[in-house]
Amino acid sequence: MSLPRALALLDARQARRGPAGRAPAGRGPAVDLLDLYLAPLLRWCALYPRGETAWFPLADYPALAAMAARLERRDATRRAATAEGLGRHPFTTPQLAVPPEGSAT
């Protein structure tokens, strides 16, 4: 299975959870473990390999894009992004890390 096809399946799964990230009929958490795993993967798809990411417009996966945006609004995500130098939108419009001290490599 290709990565775009796998992302399409994950996008469909996310869409079934609804706009607030909840499962139908309000069951399930607003954020689950899969969301926390997928967000960095989406970031990596957008950043790597450098110069070869045109295949991955996040907008092609609207439910995943919405999930990533929800995660970015969380206080914990903001604190981690600041500490790691990931920028204001580490998942929806990622940039290479520029940590406040040390090295990202």
PDB file of N, CA and C in Angstrom:
ATOM      1  N   MET A   1       0.845  -1.168   0.000  1.00  0.00           N
ATOM      2  CA  MET A   1       0.000   0.000   0.000  1.00  0.00           C
ATOM      3  C   MET A   1       0.896   1.239   0.000  1.00  0.00           C
ATOM      4  N   SER A   2       0.517   2.232  -0.784  1.00  0.00           N
ATOM      5  CA  SER A   2       1.288   3.466  -0.857  1.00  0.00           C
ATOM      6  C   SER A   2       0.980   4.344   0.362  1.00  0.00           C
ATOM      7  N   LEU A   3       1.895   5.235   0.659  1.00  0.00           N
ATOM      8  CA  LEU A   3       1.684   6.139   1.778  1.00  0.00           C
ATOM      9  C   LEU A   3       0.480   7.060   1.546  1.00  0.00           C
ATOM     10  N   PRO A   4       0.298   7.639   0.342  1.00  0.00           N
ATOM     11  CA  PRO A   4      -0.911   8.440   0.140  1.00  0.00           C
ATOM     12  C   PRO A   4      -2.202   7.641   0.354  1.00  0.00           C
ATOM     13  N   ARG A   5      -2.219   6.386  -0.057  1.00  0.00           N
ATOM     14  CA  ARG A   5      -3.415   5.556   0.158  1.00  0.00           C
ATOM     15  C   ARG A   5      -3.638   5.299   1.650  1.00  0.00           C
ATOM     16  N   ALA A   6      -2.572   5.024   2.376  1.00  0.00           N
ATOM     17  CA  ALA A   6      -2.694   4.814   3.828  1.00  0.00           C
ATOM     18  C   ALA A   6      -3.192   6.081   4.506  1.00  0.00           C
ATOM     19  N   LEU A   7      -2.689   7.242   4.090  1.00  0.00           N
ATOM     20  CA  LEU A   7      -3.150   8.502   4.668  1.00  0.00           C
ATOM     21  C   LEU A   7      -4.623   8.745   4.339  1.00  0.00           C
ATOM     22  N   ALA A   8      -5.048   8.364   3.148  1.00  0.00           N
ATOM     23  CA  ALA A   8      -6.470   8.508   2.780  1.00  0.00           C
ATOM     24  C   ALA A   8      -7.346   7.648   3.687  1.00  0.00           C
ATOM     25  N   LEU A   9      -6.904   6.441   3.984  1.00  0.00           N
ATOM     26  CA  LEU A   9      -7.664   5.573   4.898  1.00  0.00           C
ATOM     27  C   LEU A   9      -7.717   6.171   6.300  1.00  0.00           C
ATOM     28  N   LEU A  10      -6.597   6.696   6.761  1.00  0.00           N
ATOM     29  CA  LEU A  10      -6.563   7.322   8.085  1.00  0.00           C
ATOM     30  C   LEU A  10      -7.427   8.587   8.111  1.00  0.00           C
ATOM     31  N   ASP A  11      -7.441   9.323   7.007  1.00  0.00           N
ATOM     32  CA  ASP A  11      -8.284  10.507   6.914  1.00  0.00           C
ATOM     33  C   ASP A  11      -9.759  10.113   7.012  1.00  0.00           C
ATOM     34  N   ALA A  12     -10.136   9.033   6.336  1.00  0.00           N
ATOM     35  CA  ALA A  12     -11.525   8.559   6.403  1.00  0.00           C
ATOM     36  C   ALA A  12     -11.878   8.140   7.826  1.00  0.00           C
ATOM     37  N   ARG A  13     -10.970   7.470   8.493  1.00  0.00           N
ATOM     38  CA  ARG A  13     -11.197   7.063   9.893  1.00  0.00           C
ATOM     39  C   ARG A  13     -11.381   8.287  10.775  1.00  0.00           C
ATOM     40  N   GLN A  14     -10.539   9.289  10.556  1.00  0.00           N
ATOM     41  CA  GLN A  14     -10.624  10.502  11.353  1.00  0.00           C
ATOM     42  C   GLN A  14     -11.937  11.231  11.073  1.00  0.00           C
ATOM     43  N   ALA A  15     -12.368  11.251   9.837  1.00  0.00           N
ATOM     44  CA  ALA A  15     -13.619  11.929   9.475  1.00  0.00           C
ATOM     45  C   ALA A  15     -14.819  11.293  10.170  1.00  0.00           C
ATOM     46  N   ARG A  16     -14.778   9.987  10.361  1.00  0.00           N
ATOM     47  CA  ARG A  16     -15.877   9.298  11.056  1.00  0.00           C
ATOM     48  C   ARG A  16     -15.979   9.713  12.514  1.00  0.00           C
ATOM     49  N   ARG A  17     -14.896  10.239  13.061  1.00  0.00           N
ATOM     50  CA  ARG A  17     -14.905  10.689  14.454  1.00  0.00           C
ATOM     51  C   ARG A  17     -15.636  12.011  14.608  1.00  0.00           C
ATOM     52  N   GLY A  18     -15.844  12.739  13.538  1.00  0.00           N
ATOM     53  CA  GLY A  18     -16.571  14.000  13.597  1.00  0.00           C
ATOM     54  C   GLY A  18     -15.658  15.195  13.708  1.00  0.00           C
ATOM     55  N   PRO A  19     -16.220  16.388  13.566  1.00  0.00           N
ATOM     56  CA  PRO A  19     -15.406  17.603  13.517  1.00  0.00           C
ATOM     57  C   PRO A  19     -14.677  17.932  14.812  1.00  0.00           C
ATOM     58  N   ALA A  20     -15.198  17.512  15.939  1.00  0.00           N
ATOM     59  CA  ALA A  20     -14.528  17.807  17.216  1.00  0.00           C
ATOM     60  C   ALA A  20     -13.568  16.702  17.612  1.00  0.00           C
ATOM     61  N   GLY A  21     -13.385  15.699  16.744  1.00  0.00           N
ATOM     62  CA  GLY A  21     -12.479  14.620  17.068  1.00  0.00           C
ATOM     63  C   GLY A  21     -13.114  13.527  17.881  1.00  0.00           C
ATOM     64  N   ARG A  22     -14.408  13.595  18.083  1.00  0.00           N
ATOM     65  CA  ARG A  22     -15.087  12.576  18.877  1.00  0.00           C
ATOM     66  C   ARG A  22     -15.683  11.515  17.984  1.00  0.00           C
ATOM     67  N   ALA A  23     -15.798  10.348  18.534  1.00  0.00           N
ATOM     68  CA  ALA A  23     -16.456   9.257  17.824  1.00  0.00           C
ATOM     69  C   ALA A  23     -17.935   9.596  17.669  1.00  0.00           C
ATOM     70  N   PRO A  24     -18.631   8.971  16.720  1.00  0.00           N
ATOM     71  CA  PRO A  24     -20.066   9.218  16.580  1.00  0.00           C
ATOM     72  C   PRO A  24     -20.796   9.029  17.905  1.00  0.00           C
ATOM     73  N   ALA A  25     -21.855   9.770  18.100  1.00  0.00           N
ATOM     74  CA  ALA A  25     -22.685   9.729  19.312  1.00  0.00           C
ATOM     75  C   ALA A  25     -21.906  10.183  20.548  1.00  0.00           C
ATOM     76  N   GLY A  26     -20.808  10.946  20.348  1.00  0.00           N
ATOM     77  CA  GLY A  26     -20.073  11.504  21.465  1.00  0.00           C
ATOM     78  C   GLY A  26     -19.188  10.525  22.207  1.00  0.00           C
ATOM     79  N   ARG A  27     -19.020   9.310  21.684  1.00  0.00           N
ATOM     80  CA  ARG A  27     -18.151   8.337  22.354  1.00  0.00           C
ATOM     81  C   ARG A  27     -16.708   8.577  21.942  1.00  0.00           C
ATOM     82  N   GLY A  28     -15.831   8.324  22.848  1.00  0.00           N
ATOM     83  CA  GLY A  28     -14.405   8.400  22.540  1.00  0.00           C
ATOM     84  C   GLY A  28     -13.793   9.742  22.913  1.00  0.00           C
ATOM     85  N   PRO A  29     -12.484   9.760  23.057  1.00  0.00           N
ATOM     86  CA  PRO A  29     -11.794  10.982  23.472  1.00  0.00           C
ATOM     87  C   PRO A  29     -11.640  11.958  22.306  1.00  0.00           C
ATOM     88  N   ALA A  30     -11.490  13.238  22.647  1.00  0.00           N
ATOM     89  CA  ALA A  30     -11.244  14.252  21.631  1.00  0.00           C
ATOM     90  C   ALA A  30      -9.876  14.043  20.994  1.00  0.00           C
ATOM     91  N   VAL A  31      -8.931  13.518  21.752  1.00  0.00           N
ATOM     92  CA  VAL A  31      -7.589  13.198  21.263  1.00  0.00           C
ATOM     93  C   VAL A  31      -7.289  11.788  21.735  1.00  0.00           C
ATOM     94  N   ASP A  32      -6.818  10.970  20.824  1.00  0.00           N
ATOM     95  CA  ASP A  32      -6.448   9.619  21.251  1.00  0.00           C
ATOM     96  C   ASP A  32      -5.002   9.331  20.892  1.00  0.00           C
ATOM     97  N   LEU A  33      -4.542   8.182  21.255  1.00  0.00           N
ATOM     98  CA  LEU A  33      -3.147   7.808  21.043  1.00  0.00           C
ATOM     99  C   LEU A  33      -2.772   7.840  19.570  1.00  0.00           C
ATOM    100  N   LEU A  34      -3.682   7.428  18.692  1.00  0.00           N
ATOM    101  CA  LEU A  34      -3.388   7.451  17.266  1.00  0.00           C
ATOM    102  C   LEU A  34      -3.160   8.886  16.782  1.00  0.00           C
ATOM    103  N   ASP A  35      -3.946   9.838  17.277  1.00  0.00           N
ATOM    104  CA  ASP A  35      -3.743  11.244  16.911  1.00  0.00           C
ATOM    105  C   ASP A  35      -2.329  11.687  17.287  1.00  0.00           C
ATOM    106  N   LEU A  36      -1.923  11.340  18.498  1.00  0.00           N
ATOM    107  CA  LEU A  36      -0.609  11.753  18.989  1.00  0.00           C
ATOM    108  C   LEU A  36       0.525  11.092  18.215  1.00  0.00           C
ATOM    109  N   TYR A  37       0.264   9.939  17.656  1.00  0.00           N
ATOM    110  CA  TYR A  37       1.254   9.250  16.822  1.00  0.00           C
ATOM    111  C   TYR A  37       1.266   9.831  15.411  1.00  0.00           C
ATOM    112  N   LEU A  38       0.075  10.112  14.872  1.00  0.00           N
ATOM    113  CA  LEU A  38      -0.030  10.589  13.490  1.00  0.00           C
ATOM    114  C   LEU A  38       0.512  11.999  13.304  1.00  0.00           C
ATOM    115  N   ALA A  39       0.319  12.875  14.265  1.00  0.00           N
ATOM    116  CA  ALA A  39       0.719  14.272  14.094  1.00  0.00           C
ATOM    117  C   ALA A  39       2.203  14.414  13.735  1.00  0.00           C
ATOM    118  N   PRO A  40       3.119  13.777  14.457  1.00  0.00           N
ATOM    119  CA  PRO A  40       4.526  13.871  14.043  1.00  0.00           C
ATOM    120  C   PRO A  40       4.775  13.229  12.669  1.00  0.00           C
ATOM    121  N   LEU A  41       4.045  12.164  12.349  1.00  0.00           N
ATOM    122  CA  LEU A  41       4.212  11.557  11.029  1.00  0.00           C
ATOM    123  C   LEU A  41       3.787  12.524   9.925  1.00  0.00           C
ATOM    124  N   LEU A  42       2.702  13.256  10.144  1.00  0.00           N
ATOM    125  CA  LEU A  42       2.274  14.262   9.174  1.00  0.00           C
ATOM    126  C   LEU A  42       3.353  15.337   9.038  1.00  0.00           C
ATOM    127  N   ARG A  43       3.928  15.722  10.156  1.00  0.00           N
ATOM    128  CA  ARG A  43       5.015  16.711  10.137  1.00  0.00           C
ATOM    129  C   ARG A  43       6.173  16.216   9.288  1.00  0.00           C
ATOM    130  N   TRP A  44       6.556  14.968   9.500  1.00  0.00           N
ATOM    131  CA  TRP A  44       7.686  14.415   8.750  1.00  0.00           C
ATOM    132  C   TRP A  44       7.373  14.309   7.258  1.00  0.00           C
ATOM    133  N   CYS A  45       6.134  13.955   6.920  1.00  0.00           N
ATOM    134  CA  CYS A  45       5.749  13.893   5.502  1.00  0.00           C
ATOM    135  C   CYS A  45       5.896  15.258   4.848  1.00  0.00           C
ATOM    136  N   ALA A  46       5.603  16.317   5.587  1.00  0.00           N
ATOM    137  CA  ALA A  46       5.675  17.671   5.042  1.00  0.00           C
ATOM    138  C   ALA A  46       7.111  18.192   4.960  1.00  0.00           C
ATOM    139  N   LEU A  47       8.018  17.629   5.753  1.00  0.00           N
ATOM    140  CA  LEU A  47       9.386  18.150   5.814  1.00  0.00           C
ATOM    141  C   LEU A  47      10.431  17.302   5.091  1.00  0.00           C
ATOM    142  N   TYR A  48      10.218  16.010   5.013  1.00  0.00           N
ATOM    143  CA  TYR A  48      11.272  15.109   4.535  1.00  0.00           C
ATOM    144  C   TYR A  48      10.778  14.183   3.442  1.00  0.00           C
ATOM    145  N   PRO A  49      11.642  13.808   2.515  1.00  0.00           N
ATOM    146  CA  PRO A  49      12.995  14.317   2.337  1.00  0.00           C
ATOM    147  C   PRO A  49      12.964  15.750   1.835  1.00  0.00           C
ATOM    148  N   ARG A  50      13.880  16.546   2.319  1.00  0.00           N
ATOM    149  CA  ARG A  50      13.911  17.971   1.973  1.00  0.00           C
ATOM    150  C   ARG A  50      13.928  18.139   0.462  1.00  0.00           C
ATOM    151  N   GLY A  51      13.030  19.001   0.007  1.00  0.00           N
ATOM    152  CA  GLY A  51      12.941  19.287  -1.416  1.00  0.00           C
ATOM    153  C   GLY A  51      12.112  18.288  -2.207  1.00  0.00           C
ATOM    154  N   GLU A  52      11.589  17.267  -1.548  1.00  0.00           N
ATOM    155  CA  GLU A  52      10.820  16.232  -2.243  1.00  0.00           C
ATOM    156  C   GLU A  52       9.490  15.953  -1.544  1.00  0.00           C
ATOM    157  N   THR A  53       8.824  17.004  -1.097  1.00  0.00           N
ATOM    158  CA  THR A  53       7.585  16.815  -0.347  1.00  0.00           C
ATOM    159  C   THR A  53       6.347  17.311  -1.084  1.00  0.00           C
ATOM    160  N   ALA A  54       6.493  17.629  -2.357  1.00  0.00           N
ATOM    161  CA  ALA A  54       5.353  18.153  -3.120  1.00  0.00           C
ATOM    162  C   ALA A  54       4.203  17.150  -3.201  1.00  0.00           C
ATOM    163  N   TRP A  55       4.479  15.879  -3.026  1.00  0.00           N
ATOM    164  CA  TRP A  55       3.439  14.841  -3.088  1.00  0.00           C
ATOM    165  C   TRP A  55       2.469  14.951  -1.909  1.00  0.00           C
ATOM    166  N   PHE A  56       2.834  15.708  -0.878  1.00  0.00           N
ATOM    167  CA  PHE A  56       2.062  15.709   0.359  1.00  0.00           C
ATOM    168  C   PHE A  56       1.453  17.067   0.686  1.00  0.00           C
ATOM    169  N   PRO A  57       0.335  17.431   0.048  1.00  0.00           N
ATOM    170  CA  PRO A  57      -0.393  18.599   0.533  1.00  0.00           C
ATOM    171  C   PRO A  57      -1.352  18.152   1.640  1.00  0.00           C
ATOM    172  N   LEU A  58      -1.150  18.633   2.843  1.00  0.00           N
ATOM    173  CA  LEU A  58      -1.991  18.239   3.973  1.00  0.00           C
ATOM    174  C   LEU A  58      -3.460  18.514   3.689  1.00  0.00           C
ATOM    175  N   ALA A  59      -3.741  19.532   2.896  1.00  0.00           N
ATOM    176  CA  ALA A  59      -5.137  19.861   2.561  1.00  0.00           C
ATOM    177  C   ALA A  59      -5.849  18.718   1.841  1.00  0.00           C
ATOM    178  N   ASP A  60      -5.108  17.807   1.249  1.00  0.00           N
ATOM    179  CA  ASP A  60      -5.715  16.634   0.598  1.00  0.00           C
ATOM    180  C   ASP A  60      -6.325  15.675   1.614  1.00  0.00           C
ATOM    181  N   TYR A  61      -6.008  15.867   2.880  1.00  0.00           N
ATOM    182  CA  TYR A  61      -6.488  15.007   3.962  1.00  0.00           C
ATOM    183  C   TYR A  61      -7.165  15.899   5.010  1.00  0.00           C
ATOM    184  N   PRO A  62      -8.359  16.411   4.710  1.00  0.00           N
ATOM    185  CA  PRO A  62      -8.975  17.439   5.562  1.00  0.00           C
ATOM    186  C   PRO A  62      -9.233  17.007   7.005  1.00  0.00           C
ATOM    187  N   ALA A  63      -9.599  15.773   7.224  1.00  0.00           N
ATOM    188  CA  ALA A  63      -9.858  15.336   8.602  1.00  0.00           C
ATOM    189  C   ALA A  63      -8.549  15.250   9.387  1.00  0.00           C
ATOM    190  N   LEU A  64      -7.480  14.806   8.746  1.00  0.00           N
ATOM    191  CA  LEU A  64      -6.173  14.779   9.414  1.00  0.00           C
ATOM    192  C   LEU A  64      -5.673  16.203   9.659  1.00  0.00           C
ATOM    193  N   ALA A  65      -5.914  17.095   8.704  1.00  0.00           N
ATOM    194  CA  ALA A  65      -5.519  18.494   8.880  1.00  0.00           C
ATOM    195  C   ALA A  65      -6.257  19.116  10.069  1.00  0.00           C
ATOM    196  N   ALA A  66      -7.541  18.814  10.196  1.00  0.00           N
ATOM    197  CA  ALA A  66      -8.315  19.334  11.326  1.00  0.00           C
ATOM    198  C   ALA A  66      -7.800  18.769  12.644  1.00  0.00           C
ATOM    199  N   MET A  67      -7.476  17.487  12.659  1.00  0.00           N
ATOM    200  CA  MET A  67      -6.922  16.868  13.865  1.00  0.00           C
ATOM    201  C   MET A  67      -5.602  17.534  14.238  1.00  0.00           C
ATOM    202  N   ALA A  68      -4.739  17.768  13.254  1.00  0.00           N
ATOM    203  CA  ALA A  68      -3.451  18.408  13.515  1.00  0.00           C
ATOM    204  C   ALA A  68      -3.655  19.818  14.067  1.00  0.00           C
ATOM    205  N   ALA A  69      -4.599  20.545  13.508  1.00  0.00           N
ATOM    206  CA  ALA A  69      -4.887  21.900  13.996  1.00  0.00           C
ATOM    207  C   ALA A  69      -5.410  21.870  15.431  1.00  0.00           C
ATOM    208  N   ARG A  70      -6.256  20.877  15.749  1.00  0.00           N
ATOM    209  CA  ARG A  70      -6.754  20.736  17.131  1.00  0.00           C
ATOM    210  C   ARG A  70      -5.598  20.498  18.090  1.00  0.00           C
ATOM    211  N   LEU A  71      -4.668  19.639  17.696  1.00  0.00           N
ATOM    212  CA  LEU A  71      -3.528  19.356  18.572  1.00  0.00           C
ATOM    213  C   LEU A  71      -2.679  20.608  18.786  1.00  0.00           C
ATOM    214  N   GLU A  72      -2.530  21.408  17.737  1.00  0.00           N
ATOM    215  CA  GLU A  72      -1.727  22.626  17.868  1.00  0.00           C
ATOM    216  C   GLU A  72      -2.336  23.620  18.850  1.00  0.00           C
ATOM    217  N   ARG A  73      -3.620  23.562  19.061  1.00  0.00           N
ATOM    218  CA  ARG A  73      -4.284  24.479  20.003  1.00  0.00           C
ATOM    219  C   ARG A  73      -4.136  24.029  21.458  1.00  0.00           C
ATOM    220  N   ARG A  74      -3.641  22.847  21.677  1.00  0.00           N
ATOM    221  CA  ARG A  74      -3.484  22.341  23.046  1.00  0.00           C
ATOM    222  C   ARG A  74      -2.289  23.016  23.724  1.00  0.00           C
ATOM    223  N   ASP A  75      -2.455  23.356  24.995  1.00  0.00           N
ATOM    224  CA  ASP A  75      -1.360  23.989  25.744  1.00  0.00           C
ATOM    225  C   ASP A  75      -0.109  23.125  25.747  1.00  0.00           C
ATOM    226  N   ALA A  76      -0.275  21.831  25.934  1.00  0.00           N
ATOM    227  CA  ALA A  76       0.884  20.938  25.981  1.00  0.00           C
ATOM    228  C   ALA A  76       1.652  20.945  24.664  1.00  0.00           C
ATOM    229  N   THR A  77       0.928  20.999  23.560  1.00  0.00           N
ATOM    230  CA  THR A  77       1.591  21.043  22.254  1.00  0.00           C
ATOM    231  C   THR A  77       2.350  22.352  22.102  1.00  0.00           C
ATOM    232  N   ARG A  78       1.731  23.447  22.493  1.00  0.00           N
ATOM    233  CA  ARG A  78       2.406  24.751  22.389  1.00  0.00           C
ATOM    234  C   ARG A  78       3.689  24.782  23.215  1.00  0.00           C
ATOM    235  N   ARG A  79       3.609  24.241  24.429  1.00  0.00           N
ATOM    236  CA  ARG A  79       4.801  24.230  25.290  1.00  0.00           C
ATOM    237  C   ARG A  79       5.910  23.366  24.680  1.00  0.00           C
ATOM    238  N   ALA A  80       5.552  22.196  24.184  1.00  0.00           N
ATOM    239  CA  ALA A  80       6.553  21.313  23.577  1.00  0.00           C
ATOM    240  C   ALA A  80       7.140  21.936  22.315  1.00  0.00           C
ATOM    241  N   ALA A  81       6.295  22.545  21.487  1.00  0.00           N
ATOM    242  CA  ALA A  81       6.772  23.164  20.253  1.00  0.00           C
ATOM    243  C   ALA A  81       7.739  24.307  20.560  1.00  0.00           C
ATOM    244  N   THR A  82       7.441  25.079  21.590  1.00  0.00           N
ATOM    245  CA  THR A  82       8.333  26.170  21.987  1.00  0.00           C
ATOM    246  C   THR A  82       9.656  25.611  22.492  1.00  0.00           C
ATOM    247  N   ALA A  83       9.606  24.621  23.354  1.00  0.00           N
ATOM    248  CA  ALA A  83      10.823  24.033  23.917  1.00  0.00           C
ATOM    249  C   ALA A  83      11.700  23.396  22.849  1.00  0.00           C
ATOM    250  N   GLU A  84      11.070  22.823  21.827  1.00  0.00           N
ATOM    251  CA  GLU A  84      11.824  22.128  20.773  1.00  0.00           C
ATOM    252  C   GLU A  84      12.128  23.015  19.570  1.00  0.00           C
ATOM    253  N   GLY A  85      11.597  24.244  19.553  1.00  0.00           N
ATOM    254  CA  GLY A  85      11.835  25.143  18.432  1.00  0.00           C
ATOM    255  C   GLY A  85      11.142  24.701  17.153  1.00  0.00           C
ATOM    256  N   LEU A  86       9.901  24.195  17.297  1.00  0.00           N
ATOM    257  CA  LEU A  86       9.173  23.653  16.143  1.00  0.00           C
ATOM    258  C   LEU A  86       8.298  24.681  15.432  1.00  0.00           C
ATOM    259  N   GLY A  87       8.226  25.892  15.957  1.00  0.00           N
ATOM    260  CA  GLY A  87       7.393  26.920  15.342  1.00  0.00           C
ATOM    261  C   GLY A  87       5.978  26.892  15.893  1.00  0.00           C
ATOM    262  N   ARG A  88       5.165  27.864  15.465  1.00  0.00           N
ATOM    263  CA  ARG A  88       3.801  28.011  15.979  1.00  0.00           C
ATOM    264  C   ARG A  88       2.857  26.933  15.475  1.00  0.00           C
ATOM    265  N   HIS A  89       3.126  26.381  14.323  1.00  0.00           N
ATOM    266  CA  HIS A  89       2.240  25.391  13.721  1.00  0.00           C
ATOM    267  C   HIS A  89       3.054  24.162  13.323  1.00  0.00           C
ATOM    268  N   PRO A  90       3.470  23.375  14.310  1.00  0.00           N
ATOM    269  CA  PRO A  90       4.396  22.277  14.032  1.00  0.00           C
ATOM    270  C   PRO A  90       3.830  21.158  13.163  1.00  0.00           C
ATOM    271  N   PHE A  91       2.490  21.073  13.053  1.00  0.00           N
ATOM    272  CA  PHE A  91       1.891  19.990  12.280  1.00  0.00           C
ATOM    273  C   PHE A  91       1.217  20.477  10.998  1.00  0.00           C
ATOM    274  N   THR A  92       0.588  21.655  11.036  1.00  0.00           N
ATOM    275  CA  THR A  92      -0.145  22.106   9.853  1.00  0.00           C
ATOM    276  C   THR A  92       0.734  22.858   8.864  1.00  0.00           C
ATOM    277  N   THR A  93       1.703  23.583   9.333  1.00  0.00           N
ATOM    278  CA  THR A  93       2.677  24.256   8.462  1.00  0.00           C
ATOM    279  C   THR A  93       4.060  24.135   9.111  1.00  0.00           C
ATOM    280  N   PRO A  94       4.605  22.929   9.117  1.00  0.00           N
ATOM    281  CA  PRO A  94       5.856  22.703   9.835  1.00  0.00           C
ATOM    282  C   PRO A  94       7.054  23.392   9.193  1.00  0.00           C
ATOM    283  N   GLN A  95       7.992  23.696  10.041  1.00  0.00           N
ATOM    284  CA  GLN A  95       9.286  24.216   9.611  1.00  0.00           C
ATOM    285  C   GLN A  95      10.342  23.387  10.318  1.00  0.00           C
ATOM    286  N   LEU A  96      11.546  23.434   9.808  1.00  0.00           N
ATOM    287  CA  LEU A  96      12.621  22.705  10.468  1.00  0.00           C
ATOM    288  C   LEU A  96      12.819  23.252  11.877  1.00  0.00           C
ATOM    289  N   ALA A  97      13.179  22.385  12.786  1.00  0.00           N
ATOM    290  CA  ALA A  97      13.344  22.764  14.187  1.00  0.00           C
ATOM    291  C   ALA A  97      14.510  23.725  14.358  1.00  0.00           C
ATOM    292  N   VAL A  98      14.272  24.720  15.194  1.00  0.00           N
ATOM    293  CA  VAL A  98      15.309  25.681  15.591  1.00  0.00           C
ATOM    294  C   VAL A  98      15.201  25.780  17.107  1.00  0.00           C
ATOM    295  N   PRO A  99      15.798  24.834  17.827  1.00  0.00           N
ATOM    296  CA  PRO A  99      15.644  24.830  19.283  1.00  0.00           C
ATOM    297  C   PRO A  99      16.316  26.050  19.909  1.00  0.00           C
ATOM    298  N   PRO A 100      15.753  26.502  21.036  1.00  0.00           N
ATOM    299  CA  PRO A 100      16.320  27.676  21.700  1.00  0.00           C
ATOM    300  C   PRO A 100      17.740  27.472  22.193  1.00  0.00           C
ATOM    301  N   GLU A 101      18.126  26.227  22.428  1.00  0.00           N
ATOM    302  CA  GLU A 101      19.520  25.931  22.791  1.00  0.00           C
ATOM    303  C   GLU A 101      19.823  24.514  22.349  1.00  0.00           C
ATOM    304  N   GLY A 102      21.068  24.249  22.107  1.00  0.00           N
ATOM    305  CA  GLY A 102      21.449  22.910  21.664  1.00  0.00           C
ATOM    306  C   GLY A 102      21.250  22.737  20.172  1.00  0.00           C
ATOM    307  N   SER A 103      21.055  21.502  19.773  1.00  0.00           N
ATOM    308  CA  SER A 103      20.949  21.177  18.354  1.00  0.00           C
ATOM    309  C   SER A 103      19.768  20.249  18.105  1.00  0.00           C
ATOM    310  N   ALA A 104      19.118  20.434  16.973  1.00  0.00           N
ATOM    311  CA  ALA A 104      18.002  19.552  16.595  1.00  0.00           C
ATOM    312  C   ALA A 104      18.508  18.358  15.807  1.00  0.00           C
ATOM    313  N   THR A 105      19.796  18.268  15.598  1.00  0.00           N
ATOM    314  CA  THR A 105      20.352  17.138  14.831  1.00  0.00           C
ATOM    315  C   THR A 105      21.105  16.181  15.707  1.00  0.00           C
TER     316      THR A 105
END
